């Protein structure tokens, strides 16, 4: 039995877990199976989100696992949560912020939480590496000019979350999400067109 419905333009669709579905999954093995399915669907995007925020892969892996353990615990206690995807992103986001706060690195979320990976050929020449590095630095510079809220909205949108889901993750209204995204896109477009 599938418990999610695909929405237009969204490959993963929305992952709904309401009270009816939870009652149908009363057995522990069924619950573990459903959480395992969700884990397979959302592990990589959740990991990327956490890694982008904290910048450390090993810690991001641990926090990703903790995120899904919290999902299992909440479901085992019978908590209905509606759409699971924004719930998971919210938990992951909060765990990452708590981790940074405990390490005294909370300001990192303001400065360094920018994408670090660039897609490059398997065997690039020195010139290609230099050009890719320059593009990457330029992109980092442009993204650094955005507010933290604009960056978070942009990154979550790039992960495929819709405006409502982004609002749930960040605890802001849908209109605020639209405003932050609009300003971010406008700023990036203006900067790119000037160059």
N, C-alpha and C. Protein backbone atom coordinates (compact mmCIF):
# COMPACT_ATOMS: atom_id res chain seq x y z
N UNK A 1 0.84 -1.18 0.00
CA UNK A 1 0.00 0.00 0.00
C UNK A 1 0.89 1.24 0.00
N UNK A 2 0.69 2.09 -0.97
CA UNK A 2 1.43 3.36 -1.00
C UNK A 2 0.65 4.40 -0.22
N UNK A 3 1.40 5.28 0.44
CA UNK A 3 0.77 6.29 1.27
C UNK A 3 1.10 7.68 0.79
N UNK A 4 1.63 7.81 -0.40
CA UNK A 4 1.93 9.13 -0.92
C UNK A 4 1.26 9.31 -2.26
N UNK A 5 1.04 10.55 -2.61
CA UNK A 5 0.42 10.85 -3.88
C UNK A 5 1.34 11.78 -4.65
N UNK A 6 1.46 11.54 -5.93
CA UNK A 6 2.32 12.38 -6.77
C UNK A 6 1.60 13.68 -7.06
N UNK A 7 2.35 14.77 -6.95
CA UNK A 7 1.79 16.06 -7.32
C UNK A 7 2.47 16.52 -8.60
N UNK A 8 1.79 17.36 -9.36
CA UNK A 8 2.30 17.80 -10.65
C UNK A 8 3.65 18.48 -10.50
N UNK A 9 4.59 18.11 -11.36
CA UNK A 9 5.89 18.75 -11.40
C UNK A 9 6.80 18.32 -10.26
N UNK A 10 6.43 17.31 -9.51
CA UNK A 10 7.22 16.88 -8.38
C UNK A 10 7.45 15.38 -8.49
N UNK A 11 8.69 14.97 -8.74
CA UNK A 11 8.99 13.57 -8.95
C UNK A 11 8.64 12.72 -7.73
N UNK A 12 8.95 13.21 -6.54
CA UNK A 12 8.70 12.44 -5.34
C UNK A 12 7.24 12.49 -4.92
N UNK A 13 6.56 13.53 -5.27
CA UNK A 13 5.19 13.68 -4.82
C UNK A 13 5.16 14.06 -3.35
N UNK A 14 3.99 14.18 -2.82
CA UNK A 14 3.85 14.50 -1.42
C UNK A 14 3.71 13.19 -0.65
N UNK A 15 4.33 13.10 0.49
CA UNK A 15 4.34 11.89 1.30
C UNK A 15 3.44 12.11 2.51
N UNK A 16 2.20 11.64 2.40
CA UNK A 16 1.22 11.91 3.46
C UNK A 16 1.12 10.73 4.40
N UNK A 17 1.17 11.00 5.69
CA UNK A 17 0.95 10.00 6.73
C UNK A 17 -0.09 10.57 7.68
N UNK A 18 -1.32 10.21 7.44
CA UNK A 18 -2.37 10.70 8.32
C UNK A 18 -2.77 9.61 9.31
N UNK A 19 -3.73 9.89 10.16
CA UNK A 19 -4.14 8.96 11.22
C UNK A 19 -4.62 7.63 10.64
N UNK A 20 -5.33 7.65 9.50
CA UNK A 20 -5.84 6.41 8.89
C UNK A 20 -4.69 5.52 8.48
N UNK A 21 -3.70 6.08 7.83
CA UNK A 21 -2.54 5.30 7.38
C UNK A 21 -1.79 4.75 8.59
N UNK A 22 -1.65 5.55 9.63
CA UNK A 22 -0.95 5.09 10.82
C UNK A 22 -1.67 3.91 11.47
N UNK A 23 -3.00 3.94 11.49
CA UNK A 23 -3.77 2.82 12.05
C UNK A 23 -3.53 1.56 11.23
N UNK A 24 -3.44 1.71 9.92
CA UNK A 24 -3.21 0.55 9.05
C UNK A 24 -1.81 -0.02 9.22
N UNK A 25 -0.88 0.76 9.75
CA UNK A 25 0.50 0.31 9.93
C UNK A 25 0.78 -0.06 11.38
N UNK A 26 -0.21 -0.45 12.14
CA UNK A 26 -0.03 -0.71 13.56
C UNK A 26 1.11 -1.70 13.83
N UNK A 27 1.27 -2.69 12.99
CA UNK A 27 2.34 -3.67 13.20
C UNK A 27 3.71 -3.03 13.08
N UNK A 28 4.61 -3.39 13.98
CA UNK A 28 5.96 -2.81 14.00
C UNK A 28 6.70 -3.05 12.70
N UNK A 29 6.57 -4.24 12.12
CA UNK A 29 7.30 -4.54 10.89
C UNK A 29 6.78 -3.70 9.72
N UNK A 30 5.47 -3.45 9.69
CA UNK A 30 4.91 -2.60 8.62
C UNK A 30 5.41 -1.17 8.77
N UNK A 31 5.48 -0.69 9.99
CA UNK A 31 5.97 0.66 10.25
C UNK A 31 7.44 0.76 9.83
N UNK A 32 8.24 -0.23 10.20
CA UNK A 32 9.65 -0.24 9.81
C UNK A 32 9.78 -0.26 8.29
N UNK A 33 8.92 -1.01 7.62
CA UNK A 33 8.96 -1.08 6.15
C UNK A 33 8.63 0.27 5.54
N UNK A 34 7.64 0.96 6.06
CA UNK A 34 7.26 2.27 5.52
C UNK A 34 8.36 3.29 5.76
N UNK A 35 8.95 3.28 6.95
CA UNK A 35 10.04 4.21 7.23
C UNK A 35 11.23 3.89 6.33
N UNK A 36 11.49 2.61 6.08
CA UNK A 36 12.58 2.23 5.17
C UNK A 36 12.31 2.74 3.76
N UNK A 37 11.05 2.69 3.31
CA UNK A 37 10.69 3.22 1.98
C UNK A 37 10.94 4.73 1.93
N UNK A 38 10.51 5.43 2.97
CA UNK A 38 10.72 6.88 3.03
C UNK A 38 12.21 7.20 3.06
N UNK A 39 12.96 6.40 3.83
CA UNK A 39 14.41 6.58 3.92
C UNK A 39 15.04 6.46 2.54
N UNK A 40 14.66 5.46 1.78
CA UNK A 40 15.22 5.27 0.44
C UNK A 40 14.87 6.43 -0.49
N UNK A 41 13.68 6.98 -0.33
CA UNK A 41 13.24 8.09 -1.18
C UNK A 41 13.93 9.41 -0.84
N UNK A 42 14.13 9.67 0.45
CA UNK A 42 14.54 11.00 0.87
C UNK A 42 15.91 11.07 1.54
N UNK A 43 16.59 9.97 1.67
CA UNK A 43 17.90 9.96 2.34
C UNK A 43 18.88 10.93 1.69
N UNK A 44 19.06 10.84 0.38
CA UNK A 44 20.04 11.68 -0.30
C UNK A 44 19.70 13.17 -0.24
N UNK A 45 18.46 13.58 -0.52
CA UNK A 45 18.17 15.01 -0.41
C UNK A 45 18.30 15.56 1.02
N UNK A 46 17.90 14.77 2.01
CA UNK A 46 18.04 15.21 3.40
C UNK A 46 19.52 15.32 3.75
N UNK A 47 20.31 14.35 3.33
CA UNK A 47 21.76 14.38 3.59
C UNK A 47 22.39 15.62 2.94
N UNK A 48 22.03 15.90 1.69
CA UNK A 48 22.58 17.07 1.01
C UNK A 48 22.23 18.36 1.75
N UNK A 49 20.99 18.43 2.22
CA UNK A 49 20.56 19.63 2.94
C UNK A 49 21.38 19.81 4.22
N UNK A 50 21.53 18.75 4.98
CA UNK A 50 22.30 18.84 6.23
C UNK A 50 23.77 19.14 5.92
N UNK A 51 24.32 18.46 4.94
CA UNK A 51 25.72 18.67 4.58
C UNK A 51 25.96 20.11 4.13
N UNK A 52 25.02 20.66 3.39
CA UNK A 52 25.13 22.05 2.94
C UNK A 52 25.15 23.00 4.14
N UNK A 53 24.39 22.67 5.17
CA UNK A 53 24.32 23.53 6.34
C UNK A 53 25.54 23.41 7.24
N UNK A 54 26.01 22.18 7.49
CA UNK A 54 27.09 22.01 8.46
C UNK A 54 28.45 21.80 7.83
N UNK A 55 28.49 21.36 6.56
CA UNK A 55 29.75 21.26 5.85
C UNK A 55 30.62 20.08 6.22
N UNK A 56 30.15 19.17 7.02
CA UNK A 56 30.94 18.00 7.42
C UNK A 56 30.17 16.74 7.08
N UNK A 57 30.75 15.92 6.22
CA UNK A 57 30.04 14.74 5.71
C UNK A 57 29.70 13.72 6.79
N UNK A 58 30.67 13.39 7.64
CA UNK A 58 30.42 12.36 8.66
C UNK A 58 29.30 12.80 9.61
N UNK A 59 29.35 14.05 10.03
CA UNK A 59 28.30 14.57 10.91
C UNK A 59 26.96 14.62 10.18
N UNK A 60 26.99 14.96 8.89
CA UNK A 60 25.76 15.01 8.11
C UNK A 60 25.13 13.61 8.01
N UNK A 61 25.97 12.60 7.86
CA UNK A 61 25.45 11.22 7.82
C UNK A 61 24.78 10.86 9.14
N UNK A 62 25.43 11.22 10.25
CA UNK A 62 24.86 10.93 11.56
C UNK A 62 23.53 11.65 11.76
N UNK A 63 23.49 12.91 11.37
CA UNK A 63 22.26 13.69 11.55
C UNK A 63 21.15 13.21 10.62
N UNK A 64 21.53 12.72 9.45
CA UNK A 64 20.53 12.15 8.54
C UNK A 64 19.89 10.92 9.18
N UNK A 65 20.72 10.06 9.75
CA UNK A 65 20.18 8.88 10.43
C UNK A 65 19.30 9.29 11.61
N UNK A 66 19.74 10.28 12.37
CA UNK A 66 18.96 10.76 13.51
C UNK A 66 17.60 11.31 13.05
N UNK A 67 17.59 11.98 11.91
CA UNK A 67 16.33 12.51 11.36
C UNK A 67 15.33 11.39 11.13
N UNK A 68 15.78 10.30 10.52
CA UNK A 68 14.88 9.20 10.22
C UNK A 68 14.53 8.39 11.47
N UNK A 69 15.43 8.35 12.44
CA UNK A 69 15.09 7.71 13.72
C UNK A 69 13.98 8.49 14.42
N UNK A 70 14.05 9.80 14.33
CA UNK A 70 13.00 10.62 14.93
C UNK A 70 11.66 10.42 14.21
N UNK A 71 11.72 10.21 12.91
CA UNK A 71 10.49 9.90 12.17
C UNK A 71 9.89 8.61 12.70
N UNK A 72 10.71 7.59 12.81
CA UNK A 72 10.23 6.30 13.30
C UNK A 72 9.64 6.43 14.70
N UNK A 73 10.37 7.11 15.59
CA UNK A 73 9.87 7.30 16.96
C UNK A 73 8.54 8.02 16.98
N UNK A 74 8.42 9.07 16.18
CA UNK A 74 7.17 9.84 16.15
C UNK A 74 6.02 8.99 15.62
N UNK A 75 6.28 8.21 14.58
CA UNK A 75 5.23 7.37 14.02
C UNK A 75 4.85 6.24 14.98
N UNK A 76 5.85 5.71 15.66
CA UNK A 76 5.59 4.64 16.62
C UNK A 76 4.70 5.14 17.76
N UNK A 77 4.83 6.42 18.10
CA UNK A 77 4.01 7.02 19.14
C UNK A 77 2.63 7.42 18.61
N UNK A 78 2.40 7.22 17.29
CA UNK A 78 1.09 7.51 16.71
C UNK A 78 0.90 8.93 16.25
N UNK A 79 1.98 9.68 16.11
CA UNK A 79 1.87 11.08 15.68
C UNK A 79 1.58 11.14 14.17
N UNK A 80 0.42 11.69 13.81
CA UNK A 80 0.10 11.93 12.40
C UNK A 80 0.76 13.24 12.02
N UNK A 81 1.35 13.29 10.83
CA UNK A 81 2.10 14.50 10.47
C UNK A 81 1.74 15.05 9.10
N UNK A 82 0.78 14.49 8.44
CA UNK A 82 0.45 15.01 7.11
C UNK A 82 1.54 14.68 6.13
N UNK A 83 2.06 15.71 5.48
CA UNK A 83 3.10 15.53 4.48
C UNK A 83 4.45 15.32 5.18
N UNK A 84 5.05 14.17 5.00
CA UNK A 84 6.26 13.77 5.72
C UNK A 84 7.50 14.54 5.25
N UNK A 85 7.57 14.86 3.98
CA UNK A 85 8.79 15.48 3.44
C UNK A 85 9.15 16.79 4.15
N UNK A 86 8.24 17.76 4.27
CA UNK A 86 8.63 18.98 4.99
C UNK A 86 8.90 18.72 6.47
N UNK A 87 8.21 17.73 7.05
CA UNK A 87 8.46 17.38 8.44
C UNK A 87 9.90 16.91 8.60
N UNK A 88 10.37 16.05 7.69
CA UNK A 88 11.75 15.56 7.74
C UNK A 88 12.76 16.69 7.53
N UNK A 89 12.50 17.55 6.56
CA UNK A 89 13.42 18.67 6.32
C UNK A 89 13.48 19.59 7.54
N UNK A 90 12.35 19.80 8.19
CA UNK A 90 12.31 20.66 9.37
C UNK A 90 13.15 20.05 10.49
N UNK A 91 12.97 18.75 10.73
CA UNK A 91 13.75 18.06 11.76
C UNK A 91 15.24 18.12 11.40
N UNK A 92 15.57 17.84 10.15
CA UNK A 92 16.97 17.86 9.71
C UNK A 92 17.56 19.26 9.87
N UNK A 93 16.80 20.26 9.48
CA UNK A 93 17.25 21.65 9.58
C UNK A 93 17.53 22.01 11.04
N UNK A 94 16.61 21.65 11.93
CA UNK A 94 16.78 21.94 13.34
C UNK A 94 17.95 21.19 13.95
N UNK A 95 18.14 19.92 13.57
CA UNK A 95 19.28 19.15 14.06
C UNK A 95 20.60 19.79 13.61
N UNK A 96 20.65 20.25 12.36
CA UNK A 96 21.87 20.89 11.85
C UNK A 96 22.16 22.18 12.61
N UNK A 97 21.13 22.98 12.86
CA UNK A 97 21.32 24.23 13.59
C UNK A 97 21.77 23.94 15.03
N UNK A 98 21.16 22.92 15.65
CA UNK A 98 21.57 22.55 17.01
C UNK A 98 23.03 22.10 17.03
N UNK A 99 23.43 21.33 16.04
CA UNK A 99 24.81 20.85 15.93
C UNK A 99 25.77 22.04 15.81
N UNK A 100 25.45 22.97 14.93
CA UNK A 100 26.29 24.15 14.76
C UNK A 100 26.35 24.99 16.03
N UNK A 101 25.22 25.11 16.70
CA UNK A 101 25.16 25.89 17.94
C UNK A 101 26.04 25.23 19.01
N UNK A 102 25.97 23.91 19.15
CA UNK A 102 26.78 23.20 20.14
C UNK A 102 28.27 23.35 19.87
N UNK A 103 28.64 23.45 18.62
CA UNK A 103 30.05 23.56 18.25
C UNK A 103 30.50 25.02 18.16
N UNK A 104 29.60 25.94 18.46
CA UNK A 104 29.95 27.36 18.38
C UNK A 104 30.17 27.83 16.96
N UNK A 105 29.53 27.14 15.99
CA UNK A 105 29.71 27.48 14.58
C UNK A 105 28.41 27.96 13.95
N UNK A 106 27.49 28.49 14.73
CA UNK A 106 26.20 28.89 14.17
C UNK A 106 26.35 29.95 13.09
N UNK A 107 27.36 30.80 13.20
CA UNK A 107 27.57 31.82 12.17
C UNK A 107 27.90 31.19 10.82
N UNK A 108 28.32 29.91 10.82
CA UNK A 108 28.63 29.23 9.56
C UNK A 108 27.41 29.16 8.65
N UNK A 109 26.25 29.05 9.25
CA UNK A 109 25.03 28.98 8.45
C UNK A 109 24.82 30.26 7.67
N UNK A 110 25.39 31.34 8.17
CA UNK A 110 25.29 32.62 7.47
C UNK A 110 26.33 32.72 6.34
N UNK A 111 27.54 32.20 6.59
CA UNK A 111 28.65 32.45 5.68
C UNK A 111 28.98 31.29 4.74
N UNK A 112 29.07 30.09 5.29
CA UNK A 112 29.64 28.99 4.52
C UNK A 112 28.64 27.97 4.03
N UNK A 113 27.36 28.14 4.27
CA UNK A 113 26.38 27.12 3.91
C UNK A 113 25.99 27.23 2.44
N UNK A 114 26.97 27.26 1.59
CA UNK A 114 26.74 27.37 0.16
C UNK A 114 27.14 26.07 -0.51
N UNK A 115 26.54 25.74 -1.65
CA UNK A 115 26.89 24.48 -2.30
C UNK A 115 28.36 24.45 -2.66
N UNK A 116 28.98 23.30 -2.40
CA UNK A 116 30.41 23.18 -2.63
C UNK A 116 30.75 22.35 -3.85
N UNK A 117 29.84 21.55 -4.33
CA UNK A 117 30.16 20.63 -5.41
C UNK A 117 29.88 21.28 -6.76
N UNK A 118 30.78 21.05 -7.66
CA UNK A 118 30.59 21.48 -9.04
C UNK A 118 30.72 20.25 -9.92
N UNK A 119 29.93 20.18 -10.95
CA UNK A 119 30.00 19.03 -11.85
C UNK A 119 31.10 19.29 -12.86
N UNK A 120 32.08 18.40 -12.85
CA UNK A 120 33.26 18.57 -13.69
C UNK A 120 33.52 17.24 -14.39
N UNK A 121 34.11 17.29 -15.58
CA UNK A 121 34.48 16.08 -16.30
C UNK A 121 35.37 15.21 -15.43
N UNK A 122 35.40 13.91 -15.74
CA UNK A 122 36.21 12.97 -14.96
C UNK A 122 37.69 13.31 -15.04
N UNK A 123 38.14 13.75 -16.20
CA UNK A 123 39.56 14.08 -16.37
C UNK A 123 39.70 15.46 -17.00
N UNK A 124 39.41 16.53 -16.26
CA UNK A 124 39.48 17.87 -16.84
C UNK A 124 40.93 18.32 -17.00
N UNK A 125 41.12 19.16 -17.97
CA UNK A 125 42.45 19.74 -18.16
C UNK A 125 42.66 20.82 -17.10
N UNK A 126 43.88 21.32 -17.01
CA UNK A 126 44.18 22.38 -16.04
C UNK A 126 43.34 23.62 -16.33
N UNK A 127 43.16 23.93 -17.61
CA UNK A 127 42.35 25.09 -17.99
C UNK A 127 40.89 24.89 -17.58
N UNK A 128 40.36 23.68 -17.80
CA UNK A 128 38.97 23.39 -17.43
C UNK A 128 38.79 23.49 -15.91
N UNK A 129 39.77 22.99 -15.16
CA UNK A 129 39.69 23.07 -13.70
C UNK A 129 39.70 24.53 -13.24
N UNK A 130 40.54 25.33 -13.86
CA UNK A 130 40.63 26.75 -13.50
C UNK A 130 39.32 27.47 -13.81
N UNK A 131 38.76 27.22 -15.01
CA UNK A 131 37.49 27.85 -15.37
C UNK A 131 36.36 27.41 -14.45
N UNK A 132 36.33 26.12 -14.13
CA UNK A 132 35.29 25.60 -13.23
C UNK A 132 35.45 26.23 -11.84
N UNK A 133 36.68 26.36 -11.40
CA UNK A 133 36.94 26.98 -10.10
C UNK A 133 36.49 28.44 -10.09
N UNK A 134 36.76 29.16 -11.15
CA UNK A 134 36.33 30.56 -11.25
C UNK A 134 34.82 30.68 -11.25
N UNK A 135 34.13 29.80 -12.00
CA UNK A 135 32.66 29.81 -12.02
C UNK A 135 32.11 29.49 -10.64
N UNK A 136 32.73 28.53 -9.99
CA UNK A 136 32.28 28.13 -8.65
C UNK A 136 32.46 29.29 -7.67
N UNK A 137 33.58 29.96 -7.72
CA UNK A 137 33.83 31.09 -6.83
C UNK A 137 32.85 32.24 -7.11
N UNK A 138 32.58 32.46 -8.38
CA UNK A 138 31.62 33.51 -8.74
C UNK A 138 30.23 33.18 -8.21
N UNK A 139 29.83 31.92 -8.36
CA UNK A 139 28.53 31.49 -7.85
C UNK A 139 28.48 31.62 -6.33
N UNK A 140 29.54 31.19 -5.64
CA UNK A 140 29.60 31.33 -4.18
C UNK A 140 29.47 32.80 -3.79
N UNK A 141 30.15 33.66 -4.53
CA UNK A 141 30.08 35.10 -4.24
C UNK A 141 28.67 35.64 -4.42
N UNK A 142 28.02 35.24 -5.50
CA UNK A 142 26.64 35.69 -5.75
C UNK A 142 25.69 35.18 -4.67
N UNK A 143 25.84 33.91 -4.31
CA UNK A 143 24.96 33.34 -3.29
C UNK A 143 25.22 33.96 -1.92
N UNK A 144 26.46 34.33 -1.66
CA UNK A 144 26.79 34.97 -0.38
C UNK A 144 26.13 36.33 -0.24
N UNK A 145 25.78 36.95 -1.35
CA UNK A 145 25.12 38.25 -1.32
C UNK A 145 23.65 38.13 -0.93
N UNK A 146 23.10 36.93 -1.01
CA UNK A 146 21.70 36.71 -0.64
C UNK A 146 21.57 36.62 0.88
N UNK A 147 20.39 36.92 1.38
CA UNK A 147 20.15 36.76 2.81
C UNK A 147 20.09 35.26 3.13
N UNK A 148 20.32 34.88 4.39
CA UNK A 148 20.22 33.45 4.74
C UNK A 148 18.86 32.86 4.38
N UNK A 149 17.78 33.60 4.60
CA UNK A 149 16.45 33.09 4.27
C UNK A 149 16.31 32.88 2.76
N UNK A 150 16.84 33.80 1.97
CA UNK A 150 16.78 33.64 0.51
C UNK A 150 17.55 32.40 0.09
N UNK A 151 18.74 32.20 0.67
CA UNK A 151 19.54 31.02 0.31
C UNK A 151 18.83 29.75 0.72
N UNK A 152 18.29 29.70 1.93
CA UNK A 152 17.60 28.50 2.38
C UNK A 152 16.42 28.18 1.46
N UNK A 153 15.63 29.19 1.14
CA UNK A 153 14.49 28.98 0.24
C UNK A 153 14.96 28.47 -1.12
N UNK A 154 16.02 29.07 -1.64
CA UNK A 154 16.55 28.68 -2.95
C UNK A 154 17.04 27.24 -2.93
N UNK A 155 17.79 26.86 -1.91
CA UNK A 155 18.32 25.49 -1.82
C UNK A 155 17.20 24.47 -1.65
N UNK A 156 16.21 24.77 -0.83
CA UNK A 156 15.10 23.84 -0.64
C UNK A 156 14.27 23.71 -1.92
N UNK A 157 14.11 24.81 -2.63
CA UNK A 157 13.39 24.75 -3.91
C UNK A 157 14.17 23.90 -4.91
N UNK A 158 15.50 24.02 -4.89
CA UNK A 158 16.34 23.21 -5.78
C UNK A 158 16.23 21.73 -5.43
N UNK A 159 15.91 21.42 -4.17
CA UNK A 159 15.71 20.03 -3.76
C UNK A 159 14.33 19.52 -4.15
N UNK A 160 13.49 20.39 -4.72
CA UNK A 160 12.19 19.94 -5.21
C UNK A 160 11.02 20.24 -4.29
N UNK A 161 11.25 20.93 -3.18
CA UNK A 161 10.14 21.24 -2.29
C UNK A 161 9.31 22.37 -2.88
N UNK A 162 8.00 22.31 -2.69
CA UNK A 162 7.14 23.39 -3.18
C UNK A 162 7.08 24.50 -2.13
N UNK A 163 6.44 25.59 -2.46
CA UNK A 163 6.44 26.75 -1.58
C UNK A 163 5.85 26.43 -0.21
N UNK A 164 4.76 25.68 -0.18
CA UNK A 164 4.13 25.33 1.09
C UNK A 164 5.09 24.50 1.94
N UNK A 165 5.77 23.54 1.32
CA UNK A 165 6.70 22.69 2.05
C UNK A 165 7.89 23.50 2.58
N UNK A 166 8.40 24.41 1.77
CA UNK A 166 9.51 25.26 2.21
C UNK A 166 9.06 26.09 3.40
N UNK A 167 7.85 26.64 3.33
CA UNK A 167 7.31 27.40 4.45
C UNK A 167 7.23 26.57 5.72
N UNK A 168 6.82 25.31 5.58
CA UNK A 168 6.74 24.43 6.74
C UNK A 168 8.12 24.15 7.32
N UNK A 169 9.10 23.93 6.46
CA UNK A 169 10.46 23.64 6.92
C UNK A 169 11.05 24.83 7.67
N UNK A 170 10.89 26.02 7.11
CA UNK A 170 11.50 27.21 7.67
C UNK A 170 10.62 27.95 8.67
N UNK A 171 9.37 27.53 8.79
CA UNK A 171 8.46 28.18 9.72
C UNK A 171 8.04 29.57 9.28
N UNK A 172 7.85 29.73 7.97
CA UNK A 172 7.42 31.02 7.42
C UNK A 172 6.21 30.81 6.52
N UNK A 173 5.54 31.89 6.16
CA UNK A 173 4.35 31.79 5.32
C UNK A 173 4.73 31.52 3.86
N UNK A 174 3.77 31.06 3.11
CA UNK A 174 3.98 30.80 1.68
C UNK A 174 4.30 32.10 0.96
N UNK A 175 3.65 33.18 1.36
CA UNK A 175 3.94 34.46 0.70
C UNK A 175 5.37 34.92 1.00
N UNK A 176 5.87 34.63 2.20
CA UNK A 176 7.26 34.96 2.52
C UNK A 176 8.22 34.14 1.67
N UNK A 177 7.90 32.86 1.47
CA UNK A 177 8.72 32.00 0.62
C UNK A 177 8.77 32.60 -0.79
N UNK A 178 7.61 32.95 -1.30
CA UNK A 178 7.55 33.54 -2.65
C UNK A 178 8.36 34.82 -2.72
N UNK A 179 8.27 35.64 -1.70
CA UNK A 179 9.03 36.90 -1.67
C UNK A 179 10.53 36.63 -1.64
N UNK A 180 10.96 35.73 -0.75
CA UNK A 180 12.40 35.42 -0.65
C UNK A 180 12.93 34.84 -1.95
N UNK A 181 12.18 33.90 -2.54
CA UNK A 181 12.63 33.30 -3.80
C UNK A 181 12.65 34.32 -4.93
N UNK A 182 11.61 35.15 -4.99
CA UNK A 182 11.56 36.18 -6.03
C UNK A 182 12.74 37.13 -5.94
N UNK A 183 13.04 37.57 -4.73
CA UNK A 183 14.17 38.49 -4.54
C UNK A 183 15.50 37.81 -4.87
N UNK A 184 15.63 36.54 -4.50
CA UNK A 184 16.88 35.82 -4.77
C UNK A 184 17.09 35.67 -6.28
N UNK A 185 16.06 35.24 -6.97
CA UNK A 185 16.17 35.05 -8.43
C UNK A 185 16.43 36.38 -9.12
N UNK A 186 15.72 37.42 -8.70
CA UNK A 186 15.91 38.74 -9.30
C UNK A 186 17.35 39.23 -9.10
N UNK A 187 17.86 39.07 -7.88
CA UNK A 187 19.23 39.51 -7.59
C UNK A 187 20.24 38.72 -8.43
N UNK A 188 20.09 37.41 -8.47
CA UNK A 188 21.03 36.58 -9.24
C UNK A 188 20.97 36.92 -10.72
N UNK A 189 19.76 37.12 -11.25
CA UNK A 189 19.61 37.46 -12.66
C UNK A 189 20.25 38.80 -12.98
N UNK A 190 20.04 39.78 -12.10
CA UNK A 190 20.64 41.11 -12.32
C UNK A 190 22.17 41.03 -12.31
N UNK A 191 22.71 40.28 -11.37
CA UNK A 191 24.17 40.16 -11.26
C UNK A 191 24.76 39.43 -12.47
N UNK A 192 24.10 38.38 -12.91
CA UNK A 192 24.59 37.62 -14.06
C UNK A 192 24.51 38.46 -15.32
N UNK A 193 23.44 39.23 -15.48
CA UNK A 193 23.28 40.06 -16.68
C UNK A 193 24.23 41.23 -16.71
N UNK A 194 24.69 41.70 -15.54
CA UNK A 194 25.65 42.80 -15.51
C UNK A 194 27.02 42.36 -15.99
N UNK A 195 27.35 41.12 -15.83
CA UNK A 195 28.71 40.64 -16.14
C UNK A 195 28.88 40.29 -17.57
